[in-house]
N, C-alpha and C. Protein backbone atom coordinates (compact mmCIF):
# COMPACT_ATOMS: atom_id res chain seq x y z
N MET A 1 -24.69 -21.07 3.73
CA MET A 1 -24.68 -20.70 2.27
C MET A 1 -25.83 -19.63 2.02
N ALA A 2 -25.71 -18.78 1.16
CA ALA A 2 -26.79 -17.79 0.85
C ALA A 2 -27.95 -18.42 0.26
N ILE A 3 -29.13 -17.93 0.53
CA ILE A 3 -30.34 -18.56 0.02
C ILE A 3 -30.79 -17.50 -1.02
N THR A 4 -31.13 -16.23 -0.55
CA THR A 4 -31.72 -15.33 -1.56
C THR A 4 -30.79 -14.81 -2.68
N SER A 5 -31.36 -14.51 -3.76
CA SER A 5 -30.60 -14.11 -4.86
C SER A 5 -29.71 -12.88 -4.64
N SER A 6 -30.33 -11.90 -3.72
CA SER A 6 -29.51 -10.77 -3.40
C SER A 6 -28.27 -11.09 -2.57
N ALA A 7 -28.31 -12.10 -1.61
CA ALA A 7 -27.52 -12.56 -0.87
C ALA A 7 -26.32 -13.12 -1.69
N LYS A 8 -26.65 -13.90 -2.82
CA LYS A 8 -25.61 -14.57 -3.64
C LYS A 8 -24.98 -13.46 -4.51
N LYS A 9 -25.77 -12.43 -4.81
CA LYS A 9 -24.97 -11.35 -5.60
C LYS A 9 -24.01 -10.57 -4.68
N ALA A 10 -24.35 -10.44 -3.42
CA ALA A 10 -23.52 -9.81 -2.46
C ALA A 10 -22.22 -10.54 -2.25
N ILE A 11 -22.26 -11.90 -2.25
CA ILE A 11 -21.27 -12.73 -2.11
C ILE A 11 -20.24 -12.54 -3.37
N ARG A 12 -20.86 -12.55 -4.54
CA ARG A 12 -19.97 -12.41 -5.81
C ARG A 12 -19.34 -11.06 -5.79
N SER A 13 -20.15 -10.03 -5.41
CA SER A 13 -19.54 -8.64 -5.35
C SER A 13 -18.41 -8.54 -4.40
N SER A 14 -18.66 -9.06 -3.25
CA SER A 14 -17.59 -8.88 -2.17
C SER A 14 -16.34 -9.73 -2.56
N ALA A 15 -16.49 -10.77 -3.36
CA ALA A 15 -15.40 -11.62 -3.74
C ALA A 15 -14.57 -10.77 -4.85
N ARG A 16 -15.34 -10.14 -5.73
CA ARG A 16 -14.65 -9.28 -6.67
C ARG A 16 -13.92 -8.17 -6.18
N LYS A 17 -14.49 -7.50 -5.06
CA LYS A 17 -13.85 -6.43 -4.38
C LYS A 17 -12.66 -6.88 -3.52
N LYS A 18 -12.68 -8.05 -3.01
CA LYS A 18 -11.58 -8.60 -2.27
C LYS A 18 -10.49 -8.80 -3.13
N LYS A 19 -10.63 -9.16 -4.49
CA LYS A 19 -9.46 -9.46 -5.26
C LYS A 19 -8.83 -8.15 -5.66
N PHE A 20 -9.63 -7.10 -5.89
CA PHE A 20 -9.01 -5.75 -6.17
C PHE A 20 -8.32 -5.21 -4.88
N ASN A 21 -8.92 -5.32 -3.66
CA ASN A 21 -8.34 -4.80 -2.45
C ASN A 21 -7.01 -5.59 -2.14
N ASP A 22 -6.99 -6.93 -2.30
CA ASP A 22 -5.91 -7.73 -2.09
C ASP A 22 -4.59 -7.19 -2.88
N ALA A 23 -4.92 -6.97 -4.24
CA ALA A 23 -4.02 -6.41 -5.14
C ALA A 23 -3.47 -5.12 -4.75
N ARG A 24 -4.27 -4.16 -4.42
CA ARG A 24 -3.78 -2.88 -3.95
C ARG A 24 -3.14 -2.93 -2.61
N LYS A 25 -3.47 -3.84 -1.77
CA LYS A 25 -2.71 -3.96 -0.46
C LYS A 25 -1.41 -4.63 -0.71
N ALA A 26 -1.11 -5.53 -1.51
CA ALA A 26 0.09 -6.12 -1.87
C ALA A 26 0.92 -4.93 -2.64
N ALA A 27 0.44 -4.21 -3.41
CA ALA A 27 1.09 -3.18 -4.04
C ALA A 27 1.76 -2.29 -3.15
N TYR A 28 1.10 -1.64 -2.24
CA TYR A 28 1.67 -0.72 -1.26
C TYR A 28 2.65 -1.29 -0.25
N LYS A 29 2.34 -2.57 0.19
CA LYS A 29 3.23 -3.29 0.94
C LYS A 29 4.56 -3.63 0.41
N ASN A 30 4.39 -4.11 -0.84
CA ASN A 30 5.74 -4.35 -1.57
C ASN A 30 6.53 -3.14 -1.95
N ALA A 31 5.87 -2.07 -2.11
CA ALA A 31 6.46 -0.73 -2.49
C ALA A 31 7.25 -0.31 -1.25
N ILE A 32 6.63 -0.46 -0.03
CA ILE A 32 7.32 0.02 1.25
C ILE A 32 8.62 -0.97 1.46
N LYS A 33 8.33 -2.23 1.15
CA LYS A 33 9.42 -3.20 1.35
C LYS A 33 10.64 -2.83 0.51
N LYS A 34 10.35 -2.46 -0.73
CA LYS A 34 11.39 -2.07 -1.70
C LYS A 34 12.12 -0.89 -1.17
N VAL A 35 11.46 0.11 -0.81
CA VAL A 35 12.26 1.32 -0.29
C VAL A 35 13.02 1.04 0.87
N ARG A 36 12.50 0.19 1.99
CA ARG A 36 13.31 -0.02 3.03
C ARG A 36 14.60 -0.99 2.69
N LYS A 37 14.41 -1.88 1.82
CA LYS A 37 15.51 -2.71 1.31
C LYS A 37 16.61 -1.97 0.64
N LEU A 38 16.16 -0.91 -0.14
CA LEU A 38 17.20 -0.23 -0.75
C LEU A 38 17.85 0.81 0.14
N ALA A 39 17.15 1.39 1.06
CA ALA A 39 17.75 2.29 2.11
C ALA A 39 18.70 1.39 3.07
N ILE A 40 18.35 0.14 3.28
CA ILE A 40 19.30 -0.54 4.20
C ILE A 40 20.57 -0.86 3.32
N GLY A 41 20.45 -1.16 2.06
CA GLY A 41 21.52 -1.52 1.22
C GLY A 41 22.23 -0.31 0.78
N LYS A 42 22.09 0.96 1.32
CA LYS A 42 22.88 2.13 1.12
C LYS A 42 22.67 2.57 -0.41
N LYS A 43 21.54 2.30 -0.98
CA LYS A 43 21.43 2.80 -2.37
C LYS A 43 20.29 3.88 -2.19
N PHE A 44 20.77 4.96 -1.85
CA PHE A 44 19.77 6.19 -1.54
C PHE A 44 19.06 6.75 -2.61
N ASP A 45 19.86 6.94 -3.84
CA ASP A 45 19.21 7.47 -4.96
C ASP A 45 18.03 6.54 -5.50
N ASP A 46 18.28 5.22 -5.49
CA ASP A 46 17.25 4.33 -5.97
C ASP A 46 16.12 4.36 -4.84
N ALA A 47 16.46 4.38 -3.55
CA ALA A 47 15.40 4.39 -2.56
C ALA A 47 14.47 5.64 -2.75
N ARG A 48 15.14 6.80 -3.06
CA ARG A 48 14.29 8.03 -3.24
C ARG A 48 13.32 7.93 -4.41
N ASP A 49 13.92 7.28 -5.57
CA ASP A 49 13.10 7.07 -6.64
C ASP A 49 11.92 6.18 -6.35
N SER A 50 12.14 5.09 -5.56
CA SER A 50 11.06 4.12 -5.30
C SER A 50 10.12 4.63 -4.18
N LEU A 51 10.59 5.68 -3.60
CA LEU A 51 9.79 6.35 -2.58
C LEU A 51 8.60 6.96 -3.21
N LYS A 52 8.77 7.57 -4.45
CA LYS A 52 7.67 8.07 -5.19
C LYS A 52 6.62 7.08 -5.42
N GLU A 53 7.05 5.85 -5.94
CA GLU A 53 6.17 4.77 -6.30
C GLU A 53 5.38 4.39 -5.02
N ALA A 54 6.13 4.19 -3.83
CA ALA A 54 5.51 3.90 -2.66
C ALA A 54 4.37 4.90 -2.28
N TYR A 55 4.68 6.26 -2.31
CA TYR A 55 3.75 7.22 -1.96
C TYR A 55 2.47 7.11 -2.94
N LYS A 56 2.68 6.86 -4.22
CA LYS A 56 1.73 6.60 -5.17
C LYS A 56 0.73 5.40 -4.78
N ALA A 57 1.29 4.36 -4.37
CA ALA A 57 0.60 3.06 -3.95
C ALA A 57 -0.17 3.39 -2.61
N ILE A 58 0.41 4.05 -1.80
CA ILE A 58 -0.14 4.29 -0.47
C ILE A 58 -1.40 5.31 -0.70
N ASP A 59 -1.24 6.34 -1.59
CA ASP A 59 -2.30 7.13 -1.80
C ASP A 59 -3.53 6.56 -2.48
N LYS A 60 -3.18 5.65 -3.40
CA LYS A 60 -4.21 4.93 -4.07
C LYS A 60 -5.06 4.03 -3.09
N ALA A 61 -4.24 3.56 -2.16
CA ALA A 61 -4.91 2.63 -1.18
C ALA A 61 -5.87 3.49 -0.20
N ALA A 62 -5.38 4.56 0.05
CA ALA A 62 -6.15 5.54 0.97
C ALA A 62 -7.37 6.15 0.20
N LYS A 63 -7.15 6.41 -1.16
CA LYS A 63 -8.24 6.98 -1.82
C LYS A 63 -9.45 5.96 -1.96
N THR A 64 -9.21 4.70 -2.09
CA THR A 64 -10.19 3.60 -2.23
C THR A 64 -10.61 3.22 -0.86
N LYS A 65 -10.15 3.84 0.34
CA LYS A 65 -10.53 3.64 1.67
C LYS A 65 -10.09 2.18 2.04
N LEU A 66 -9.10 1.70 1.46
CA LEU A 66 -8.50 0.41 1.94
C LEU A 66 -7.81 0.57 3.27
N ILE A 67 -7.16 1.80 3.39
CA ILE A 67 -6.58 2.29 4.62
C ILE A 67 -6.96 3.56 4.91
N LYS A 68 -7.00 3.97 6.12
CA LYS A 68 -7.53 5.31 6.50
C LYS A 68 -6.47 6.39 6.01
N LYS A 69 -6.95 7.60 5.92
CA LYS A 69 -6.10 8.69 5.49
C LYS A 69 -4.84 9.03 6.46
N ASN A 70 -5.29 8.98 7.81
CA ASN A 70 -4.14 9.22 8.67
C ASN A 70 -3.15 7.97 8.67
N ALA A 71 -3.59 6.81 8.42
CA ALA A 71 -2.75 5.72 8.46
C ALA A 71 -1.78 5.83 7.22
N ALA A 72 -2.28 6.32 6.14
CA ALA A 72 -1.41 6.58 5.05
C ALA A 72 -0.53 7.60 5.19
N SER A 73 -0.87 8.67 5.83
CA SER A 73 0.11 9.70 6.26
C SER A 73 1.22 9.18 7.08
N ARG A 74 0.84 8.38 8.09
CA ARG A 74 1.85 7.80 9.08
C ARG A 74 2.77 6.93 8.30
N MET A 75 2.28 6.13 7.32
CA MET A 75 3.16 5.31 6.67
C MET A 75 4.12 5.99 5.73
N LYS A 76 3.63 7.08 5.08
CA LYS A 76 4.58 7.99 4.18
C LYS A 76 5.63 8.60 5.13
N SER A 77 5.18 9.10 6.19
CA SER A 77 6.14 9.79 7.09
C SER A 77 7.23 8.83 7.66
N ARG A 78 6.79 7.72 7.97
CA ARG A 78 7.86 6.58 8.51
C ARG A 78 8.80 6.28 7.44
N ILE A 79 8.31 6.12 6.23
CA ILE A 79 9.35 5.55 5.22
C ILE A 79 10.20 6.73 4.82
N SER A 80 9.78 7.83 4.72
CA SER A 80 10.57 9.05 4.33
C SER A 80 11.59 9.30 5.45
N LYS A 81 11.15 9.16 6.75
CA LYS A 81 12.06 9.26 7.85
C LYS A 81 13.12 8.26 7.81
N PHE A 82 12.74 7.05 7.38
CA PHE A 82 13.66 5.92 7.34
C PHE A 82 14.67 6.14 6.36
N VAL A 83 14.32 6.64 5.15
CA VAL A 83 15.33 6.88 4.08
C VAL A 83 16.22 7.96 4.48
N GLY A 84 15.72 9.03 5.28
CA GLY A 84 16.56 10.16 5.68
C GLY A 84 17.53 9.78 6.80
N LYS A 85 17.06 8.87 7.72
CA LYS A 85 17.86 8.47 8.70
C LYS A 85 19.18 7.49 8.15
N SER A 86 18.67 6.80 7.25
CA SER A 86 19.74 5.80 6.63
C SER A 86 20.62 6.66 5.75
N ALA A 87 20.25 7.74 5.26
CA ALA A 87 21.15 8.41 4.45
C ALA A 87 22.31 9.14 5.15
N LYS A 88 22.11 9.28 6.44
CA LYS A 88 23.14 10.03 7.23
C LYS A 88 24.36 9.16 7.74
């Protein structure tokens, strides 16, 4: 357990940040799942619409350094490719 007051404050701060990070992580993961589910279900118009939401969630996660910039680019590339392949 933390003894000094600064260590106690760091614990509170990291707990608060964890809450925000977990919410942002869930947002981009759920957005990706939604796009993939729609593409598999042959609903390509809806998949393209939700692709925008997924891009937005991924970019926000990258902006706050929850995920790295190249990881975000890779995720966006893969889901767009998945929607494109499914449409054929």
